[in-house]
Amino acid sequence: MLVLTRKTNQSIQIGDDIEVKIVAVDGDQVKIGIDAPQHIDIHRKEIYLDIQEENNQAVGKDNLSILEALAQQIKKN
């Protein structure tokens, strides 16, 4: 992990397209701004993990059995 020290209004550049700027520091909280292309999804880590879990549940056993049944129907035709 790369660890950098930045002050308010200083930035970190990631590649050509992503800039992370320190907007404010208040006690133990840091407010950051992220400038990135619209096609790049940006989420807080806990939200990202929730999305991943929901996606995993969406392709769970129930959906797999439905797909298997559909595949059997297609083979019959």
PDB file of N, CA and C in Angstrom:
ATOM      1  N   MET A   1       0.856  -1.180   0.000  1.00  0.00           N
ATOM      2  CA  MET A   1       0.000   0.000   0.000  1.00  0.00           C
ATOM      3  C   MET A   1       0.897   1.236   0.000  1.00  0.00           C
ATOM      4  N   LEU A   2       0.590   2.142  -0.868  1.00  0.00           N
ATOM      5  CA  LEU A   2       1.285   3.425  -0.915  1.00  0.00           C
ATOM      6  C   LEU A   2       0.597   4.375   0.057  1.00  0.00           C
ATOM      7  N   VAL A   3       1.365   5.007   0.934  1.00  0.00           N
ATOM      8  CA  VAL A   3       0.821   5.963   1.897  1.00  0.00           C
ATOM      9  C   VAL A   3       1.448   7.323   1.598  1.00  0.00           C
ATOM     10  N   LEU A   4       0.601   8.318   1.361  1.00  0.00           N
ATOM     11  CA  LEU A   4       1.063   9.670   1.049  1.00  0.00           C
ATOM     12  C   LEU A   4       0.499  10.657   2.056  1.00  0.00           C
ATOM     13  N   THR A   5       1.230  11.701   2.316  1.00  0.00           N
ATOM     14  CA  THR A   5       0.761  12.784   3.166  1.00  0.00           C
ATOM     15  C   THR A   5       0.360  13.953   2.274  1.00  0.00           C
ATOM     16  N   ARG A   6      -0.831  14.470   2.496  1.00  0.00           N
ATOM     17  CA  ARG A   6      -1.344  15.592   1.725  1.00  0.00           C
ATOM     18  C   ARG A   6      -1.973  16.593   2.673  1.00  0.00           C
ATOM     19  N   LYS A   7      -1.990  17.836   2.276  1.00  0.00           N
ATOM     20  CA  LYS A   7      -2.663  18.895   3.035  1.00  0.00           C
ATOM     21  C   LYS A   7      -3.905  19.328   2.280  1.00  0.00           C
ATOM     22  N   THR A   8      -4.745  20.107   2.940  1.00  0.00           N
ATOM     23  CA  THR A   8      -5.956  20.625   2.308  1.00  0.00           C
ATOM     24  C   THR A   8      -5.607  21.299   0.989  1.00  0.00           C
ATOM     25  N   ASN A   9      -6.404  21.026  -0.029  1.00  0.00           N
ATOM     26  CA  ASN A   9      -6.265  21.545  -1.392  1.00  0.00           C
ATOM     27  C   ASN A   9      -5.121  20.914  -2.179  1.00  0.00           C
ATOM     28  N   GLN A  10      -4.468  19.897  -1.615  1.00  0.00           N
ATOM     29  CA  GLN A  10      -3.470  19.159  -2.380  1.00  0.00           C
ATOM     30  C   GLN A  10      -4.137  17.917  -2.961  1.00  0.00           C
ATOM     31  N   SER A  11      -3.546  17.379  -4.026  1.00  0.00           N
ATOM     32  CA  SER A  11      -4.166  16.277  -4.756  1.00  0.00           C
ATOM     33  C   SER A  11      -3.220  15.104  -4.924  1.00  0.00           C
ATOM     34  N   ILE A  12      -3.829  14.007  -5.322  1.00  0.00           N
ATOM     35  CA  ILE A  12      -3.113  12.813  -5.752  1.00  0.00           C
ATOM     36  C   ILE A  12      -3.662  12.480  -7.133  1.00  0.00           C
ATOM     37  N   GLN A  13      -2.803  12.230  -8.085  1.00  0.00           N
ATOM     38  CA  GLN A  13      -3.207  11.885  -9.444  1.00  0.00           C
ATOM     39  C   GLN A  13      -3.050  10.384  -9.640  1.00  0.00           C
ATOM     40  N   ILE A  14      -4.098   9.728 -10.131  1.00  0.00           N
ATOM     41  CA  ILE A  14      -4.063   8.299 -10.418  1.00  0.00           C
ATOM     42  C   ILE A  14      -4.235   8.136 -11.922  1.00  0.00           C
ATOM     43  N   GLY A  15      -3.186   7.718 -12.575  1.00  0.00           N
ATOM     44  CA  GLY A  15      -3.224   7.628 -14.038  1.00  0.00           C
ATOM     45  C   GLY A  15      -3.448   8.998 -14.643  1.00  0.00           C
ATOM     46  N   ASP A  16      -3.994   9.000 -15.846  1.00  0.00           N
ATOM     47  CA  ASP A  16      -4.248  10.265 -16.540  1.00  0.00           C
ATOM     48  C   ASP A  16      -5.594  10.870 -16.193  1.00  0.00           C
ATOM     49  N   ASP A  17      -6.525  10.037 -15.661  1.00  0.00           N
ATOM     50  CA  ASP A  17      -7.916  10.449 -15.595  1.00  0.00           C
ATOM     51  C   ASP A  17      -8.489  10.670 -14.207  1.00  0.00           C
ATOM     52  N   ILE A  18      -7.782  10.291 -13.157  1.00  0.00           N
ATOM     53  CA  ILE A  18      -8.378  10.344 -11.819  1.00  0.00           C
ATOM     54  C   ILE A  18      -7.543  11.236 -10.906  1.00  0.00           C
ATOM     55  N   GLU A  19      -8.228  12.204 -10.295  1.00  0.00           N
ATOM     56  CA  GLU A  19      -7.587  13.092  -9.321  1.00  0.00           C
ATOM     57  C   GLU A  19      -8.355  12.994  -8.006  1.00  0.00           C
ATOM     58  N   VAL A  20      -7.613  12.776  -6.943  1.00  0.00           N
ATOM     59  CA  VAL A  20      -8.193  12.725  -5.598  1.00  0.00           C
ATOM     60  C   VAL A  20      -7.659  13.945  -4.851  1.00  0.00           C
ATOM     61  N   LYS A  21      -8.576  14.824  -4.407  1.00  0.00           N
ATOM     62  CA  LYS A  21      -8.176  16.082  -3.776  1.00  0.00           C
ATOM     63  C   LYS A  21      -8.652  16.108  -2.329  1.00  0.00           C
ATOM     64  N   ILE A  22      -7.787  16.549  -1.437  1.00  0.00           N
ATOM     65  CA  ILE A  22      -8.155  16.745  -0.044  1.00  0.00           C
ATOM     66  C   ILE A  22      -8.900  18.069   0.037  1.00  0.00           C
ATOM     67  N   VAL A  23     -10.188  18.006   0.377  1.00  0.00           N
ATOM     68  CA  VAL A  23     -11.027  19.198   0.402  1.00  0.00           C
ATOM     69  C   VAL A  23     -11.001  19.840   1.782  1.00  0.00           C
ATOM     70  N   ALA A  24     -11.065  19.014   2.834  1.00  0.00           N
ATOM     71  CA  ALA A  24     -11.073  19.557   4.202  1.00  0.00           C
ATOM     72  C   ALA A  24     -10.628  18.476   5.174  1.00  0.00           C
ATOM     73  N   VAL A  25     -10.066  18.922   6.277  1.00  0.00           N
ATOM     74  CA  VAL A  25      -9.714  18.033   7.382  1.00  0.00           C
ATOM     75  C   VAL A  25     -10.341  18.624   8.631  1.00  0.00           C
ATOM     76  N   ASP A  26     -11.136  17.805   9.346  1.00  0.00           N
ATOM     77  CA  ASP A  26     -11.813  18.262  10.551  1.00  0.00           C
ATOM     78  C   ASP A  26     -11.698  17.165  11.603  1.00  0.00           C
ATOM     79  N   GLY A  27     -10.764  17.331  12.522  1.00  0.00           N
ATOM     80  CA  GLY A  27     -10.544  16.301  13.541  1.00  0.00           C
ATOM     81  C   GLY A  27     -10.041  15.026  12.897  1.00  0.00           C
ATOM     82  N   ASP A  28     -10.769  13.921  13.131  1.00  0.00           N
ATOM     83  CA  ASP A  28     -10.344  12.645  12.558  1.00  0.00           C
ATOM     84  C   ASP A  28     -11.055  12.330  11.244  1.00  0.00           C
ATOM     85  N   GLN A  29     -11.736  13.316  10.662  1.00  0.00           N
ATOM     86  CA  GLN A  29     -12.409  13.121   9.381  1.00  0.00           C
ATOM     87  C   GLN A  29     -11.708  13.907   8.283  1.00  0.00           C
ATOM     88  N   VAL A  30     -11.619  13.277   7.131  1.00  0.00           N
ATOM     89  CA  VAL A  30     -11.027  13.903   5.955  1.00  0.00           C
ATOM     90  C   VAL A  30     -12.084  13.909   4.864  1.00  0.00           C
ATOM     91  N   LYS A  31     -12.329  15.068   4.284  1.00  0.00           N
ATOM     92  CA  LYS A  31     -13.271  15.173   3.167  1.00  0.00           C
ATOM     93  C   LYS A  31     -12.448  15.195   1.888  1.00  0.00           C
ATOM     94  N   ILE A  32     -12.762  14.267   0.979  1.00  0.00           N
ATOM     95  CA  ILE A  32     -12.021  14.199  -0.272  1.00  0.00           C
ATOM     96  C   ILE A  32     -12.961  14.414  -1.444  1.00  0.00           C
ATOM     97  N   GLY A  33     -12.409  14.929  -2.508  1.00  0.00           N
ATOM     98  CA  GLY A  33     -13.130  15.068  -3.766  1.00  0.00           C
ATOM     99  C   GLY A  33     -12.445  14.190  -4.797  1.00  0.00           C
ATOM    100  N   ILE A  34     -13.232  13.539  -5.628  1.00  0.00           N
ATOM    101  CA  ILE A  34     -12.684  12.646  -6.639  1.00  0.00           C
ATOM    102  C   ILE A  34     -13.178  13.098  -7.996  1.00  0.00           C
ATOM    103  N   ASP A  35     -12.248  13.397  -8.871  1.00  0.00           N
ATOM    104  CA  ASP A  35     -12.571  13.779 -10.245  1.00  0.00           C
ATOM    105  C   ASP A  35     -12.149  12.621 -11.134  1.00  0.00           C
ATOM    106  N   ALA A  36     -13.149  11.940 -11.724  1.00  0.00           N
ATOM    107  CA  ALA A  36     -12.884  10.768 -12.558  1.00  0.00           C
ATOM    108  C   ALA A  36     -13.901  10.725 -13.688  1.00  0.00           C
ATOM    109  N   PRO A  37     -13.585   9.999 -14.755  1.00  0.00           N
ATOM    110  CA  PRO A  37     -14.552   9.851 -15.843  1.00  0.00           C
ATOM    111  C   PRO A  37     -15.849   9.215 -15.342  1.00  0.00           C
ATOM    112  N   GLN A  38     -16.963   9.545 -15.997  1.00  0.00           N
ATOM    113  CA  GLN A  38     -18.274   9.058 -15.557  1.00  0.00           C
ATOM    114  C   GLN A  38     -18.402   7.548 -15.628  1.00  0.00           C
ATOM    115  N   HIS A  39     -17.651   6.885 -16.495  1.00  0.00           N
ATOM    116  CA  HIS A  39     -17.786   5.438 -16.631  1.00  0.00           C
ATOM    117  C   HIS A  39     -17.108   4.669 -15.494  1.00  0.00           C
ATOM    118  N   ILE A  40     -16.410   5.358 -14.624  1.00  0.00           N
ATOM    119  CA  ILE A  40     -15.756   4.716 -13.485  1.00  0.00           C
ATOM    120  C   ILE A  40     -16.665   4.846 -12.270  1.00  0.00           C
ATOM    121  N   ASP A  41     -17.049   3.689 -11.716  1.00  0.00           N
ATOM    122  CA  ASP A  41     -17.893   3.689 -10.520  1.00  0.00           C
ATOM    123  C   ASP A  41     -17.042   4.019  -9.304  1.00  0.00           C
ATOM    124  N   ILE A  42     -17.565   4.891  -8.442  1.00  0.00           N
ATOM    125  CA  ILE A  42     -16.875   5.259  -7.206  1.00  0.00           C
ATOM    126  C   ILE A  42     -17.855   5.066  -6.062  1.00  0.00           C
ATOM    127  N   HIS A  43     -17.473   4.236  -5.091  1.00  0.00           N
ATOM    128  CA  HIS A  43     -18.328   3.940  -3.947  1.00  0.00           C
ATOM    129  C   HIS A  43     -17.493   3.943  -2.674  1.00  0.00           C
ATOM    130  N   ARG A  44     -18.145   4.231  -1.553  1.00  0.00           N
ATOM    131  CA  ARG A  44     -17.506   3.962  -0.268  1.00  0.00           C
ATOM    132  C   ARG A  44     -17.321   2.456  -0.166  1.00  0.00           C
ATOM    133  N   LYS A  45     -16.275   2.017   0.516  1.00  0.00           N
ATOM    134  CA  LYS A  45     -15.948   0.587   0.574  1.00  0.00           C
ATOM    135  C   LYS A  45     -17.121  -0.251   1.075  1.00  0.00           C
ATOM    136  N   GLU A  46     -17.817   0.199   2.126  1.00  0.00           N
ATOM    137  CA  GLU A  46     -18.911  -0.601   2.677  1.00  0.00           C
ATOM    138  C   GLU A  46     -20.058  -0.738   1.671  1.00  0.00           C
ATOM    139  N   ILE A  47     -20.282   0.288   0.863  1.00  0.00           N
ATOM    140  CA  ILE A  47     -21.315   0.220  -0.174  1.00  0.00           C
ATOM    141  C   ILE A  47     -20.877  -0.737  -1.277  1.00  0.00           C
ATOM    142  N   TYR A  48     -19.622  -0.655  -1.669  1.00  0.00           N
ATOM    143  CA  TYR A  48     -19.077  -1.556  -2.689  1.00  0.00           C
ATOM    144  C   TYR A  48     -19.232  -3.016  -2.261  1.00  0.00           C
ATOM    145  N   LEU A  49     -18.916  -3.313  -1.005  1.00  0.00           N
ATOM    146  CA  LEU A  49     -19.044  -4.679  -0.500  1.00  0.00           C
ATOM    147  C   LEU A  49     -20.505  -5.128  -0.485  1.00  0.00           C
ATOM    148  N   ASP A  50     -21.424  -4.231  -0.129  1.00  0.00           N
ATOM    149  CA  ASP A  50     -22.858  -4.550  -0.166  1.00  0.00           C
ATOM    150  C   ASP A  50     -23.305  -4.881  -1.593  1.00  0.00           C
ATOM    151  N   ILE A  51     -22.844  -4.103  -2.554  1.00  0.00           N
ATOM    152  CA  ILE A  51     -23.195  -4.344  -3.959  1.00  0.00           C
ATOM    153  C   ILE A  51     -22.670  -5.709  -4.398  1.00  0.00           C
ATOM    154  N   GLN A  52     -21.436  -6.020  -4.028  1.00  0.00           N
ATOM    155  CA  GLN A  52     -20.859  -7.314  -4.386  1.00  0.00           C
ATOM    156  C   GLN A  52     -21.658  -8.466  -3.788  1.00  0.00           C
ATOM    157  N   GLU A  53     -22.067  -8.318  -2.533  1.00  0.00           N
ATOM    158  CA  GLU A  53     -22.851  -9.356  -1.871  1.00  0.00           C
ATOM    159  C   GLU A  53     -24.207  -9.538  -2.560  1.00  0.00           C
ATOM    160  N   GLU A  54     -24.858  -8.438  -2.908  1.00  0.00           N
ATOM    161  CA  GLU A  54     -26.135  -8.520  -3.615  1.00  0.00           C
ATOM    162  C   GLU A  54     -25.976  -9.193  -4.975  1.00  0.00           C
ATOM    163  N   ASN A  55     -24.895  -8.875  -5.665  1.00  0.00           N
ATOM    164  CA  ASN A  55     -24.632  -9.510  -6.959  1.00  0.00           C
ATOM    165  C   ASN A  55     -24.419 -11.014  -6.793  1.00  0.00           C
ATOM    166  N   ASN A  56     -23.686 -11.404  -5.762  1.00  0.00           N
ATOM    167  CA  ASN A  56     -23.449 -12.818  -5.507  1.00  0.00           C
ATOM    168  C   ASN A  56     -24.756 -13.541  -5.183  1.00  0.00           C
ATOM    169  N   GLN A  57     -25.626 -12.894  -4.413  1.00  0.00           N
ATOM    170  CA  GLN A  57     -26.914 -13.496  -4.092  1.00  0.00           C
ATOM    171  C   GLN A  57     -27.800 -13.606  -5.333  1.00  0.00           C
ATOM    172  N   ALA A  58     -27.686 -12.634  -6.226  1.00  0.00           N
ATOM    173  CA  ALA A  58     -28.520 -12.625  -7.428  1.00  0.00           C
ATOM    174  C   ALA A  58     -28.194 -13.792  -8.354  1.00  0.00           C
ATOM    175  N   VAL A  59     -26.981 -14.288  -8.297  1.00  0.00           N
ATOM    176  CA  VAL A  59     -26.597 -15.428  -9.134  1.00  0.00           C
ATOM    177  C   VAL A  59     -26.512 -16.702  -8.300  1.00  0.00           C
ATOM    178  N   GLY A  60     -27.276 -16.731  -7.223  1.00  0.00           N
ATOM    179  CA  GLY A  60     -27.277 -17.867  -6.305  1.00  0.00           C
ATOM    180  C   GLY A  60     -27.932 -19.103  -6.893  1.00  0.00           C
ATOM    181  N   LYS A  61     -28.170 -20.104  -6.047  1.00  0.00           N
ATOM    182  CA  LYS A  61     -28.684 -21.410  -6.465  1.00  0.00           C
ATOM    183  C   LYS A  61     -30.028 -21.308  -7.165  1.00  0.00           C
ATOM    184  N   ASP A  62     -30.927 -20.460  -6.681  1.00  0.00           N
ATOM    185  CA  ASP A  62     -32.253 -20.350  -7.295  1.00  0.00           C
ATOM    186  C   ASP A  62     -32.145 -19.958  -8.759  1.00  0.00           C
ATOM    187  N   ASN A  63     -31.339 -18.975  -9.039  1.00  0.00           N
ATOM    188  CA  ASN A  63     -31.179 -18.533 -10.418  1.00  0.00           C
ATOM    189  C   ASN A  63     -30.460 -19.586 -11.246  1.00  0.00           C
ATOM    190  N   LEU A  64     -29.531 -20.293 -10.638  1.00  0.00           N
ATOM    191  CA  LEU A  64     -28.822 -21.344 -11.354  1.00  0.00           C
ATOM    192  C   LEU A  64     -29.780 -22.453 -11.756  1.00  0.00           C
ATOM    193  N   SER A  65     -30.684 -22.842 -10.860  1.00  0.00           N
ATOM    194  CA  SER A  65     -31.644 -23.901 -11.197  1.00  0.00           C
ATOM    195  C   SER A  65     -32.599 -23.437 -12.289  1.00  0.00           C
ATOM    196  N   ILE A  66     -32.967 -22.199 -12.293  1.00  0.00           N
ATOM    197  CA  ILE A  66     -33.824 -21.662 -13.361  1.00  0.00           C
ATOM    198  C   ILE A  66     -33.092 -21.728 -14.697  1.00  0.00           C
ATOM    199  N   LEU A  67     -31.813 -21.356 -14.693  1.00  0.00           N
ATOM    200  CA  LEU A  67     -31.030 -21.409 -15.933  1.00  0.00           C
ATOM    201  C   LEU A  67     -30.859 -22.844 -16.417  1.00  0.00           C
ATOM    202  N   GLU A  68     -30.662 -23.774 -15.491  1.00  0.00           N
ATOM    203  CA  GLU A  68     -30.531 -25.178 -15.880  1.00  0.00           C
ATOM    204  C   GLU A  68     -31.837 -25.686 -16.494  1.00  0.00           C
ATOM    205  N   ALA A  69     -32.969 -25.330 -15.911  1.00  0.00           N
ATOM    206  CA  ALA A  69     -34.263 -25.739 -16.456  1.00  0.00           C
ATOM    207  C   ALA A  69     -34.465 -25.143 -17.845  1.00  0.00           C
ATOM    208  N   LEU A  70     -34.092 -23.891 -18.020  1.00  0.00           N
ATOM    209  CA  LEU A  70     -34.202 -23.243 -19.327  1.00  0.00           C
ATOM    210  C   LEU A  70     -33.316 -23.943 -20.346  1.00  0.00           C
ATOM    211  N   ALA A  71     -32.117 -24.309 -19.953  1.00  0.00           N
ATOM    212  CA  ALA A  71     -31.211 -25.010 -20.847  1.00  0.00           C
ATOM    213  C   ALA A  71     -31.800 -26.351 -21.263  1.00  0.00           C
ATOM    214  N   GLN A  72     -32.440 -27.041 -20.331  1.00  0.00           N
ATOM    215  CA  GLN A  72     -33.086 -28.323 -20.665  1.00  0.00           C
ATOM    216  C   GLN A  72     -34.219 -28.112 -21.671  1.00  0.00           C
ATOM    217  N   GLN A  73     -35.006 -27.065 -21.494  1.00  0.00           N
ATOM    218  CA  GLN A  73     -36.099 -26.765 -22.426  1.00  0.00           C
ATOM    219  C   GLN A  73     -35.554 -26.481 -23.833  1.00  0.00           C
ATOM    220  N   ILE A  74     -34.452 -25.756 -23.882  1.00  0.00           N
ATOM    221  CA  ILE A  74     -33.860 -25.428 -25.170  1.00  0.00           C
ATOM    222  C   ILE A  74     -33.358 -26.693 -25.868  1.00  0.00           C
ATOM    223  N   LYS A  75     -32.753 -27.599 -25.097  1.00  0.00           N
ATOM    224  CA  LYS A  75     -32.247 -28.853 -25.666  1.00  0.00           C
ATOM    225  C   LYS A  75     -33.385 -29.699 -26.229  1.00  0.00           C
ATOM    226  N   LYS A  76     -34.552 -29.679 -25.581  1.00  0.00           N
ATOM    227  CA  LYS A  76     -35.701 -30.464 -26.042  1.00  0.00           C
ATOM    228  C   LYS A  76     -36.227 -29.957 -27.366  1.00  0.00           C
ATOM    229  N   ASN A  77     -36.115 -28.649 -27.588  1.00  0.00           N
ATOM    230  CA  ASN A  77     -36.645 -28.054 -28.822  1.00  0.00           C
ATOM    231  C   ASN A  77     -35.596 -28.143 -29.866  1.00  0.00           C
TER     232      ASN A  77
END
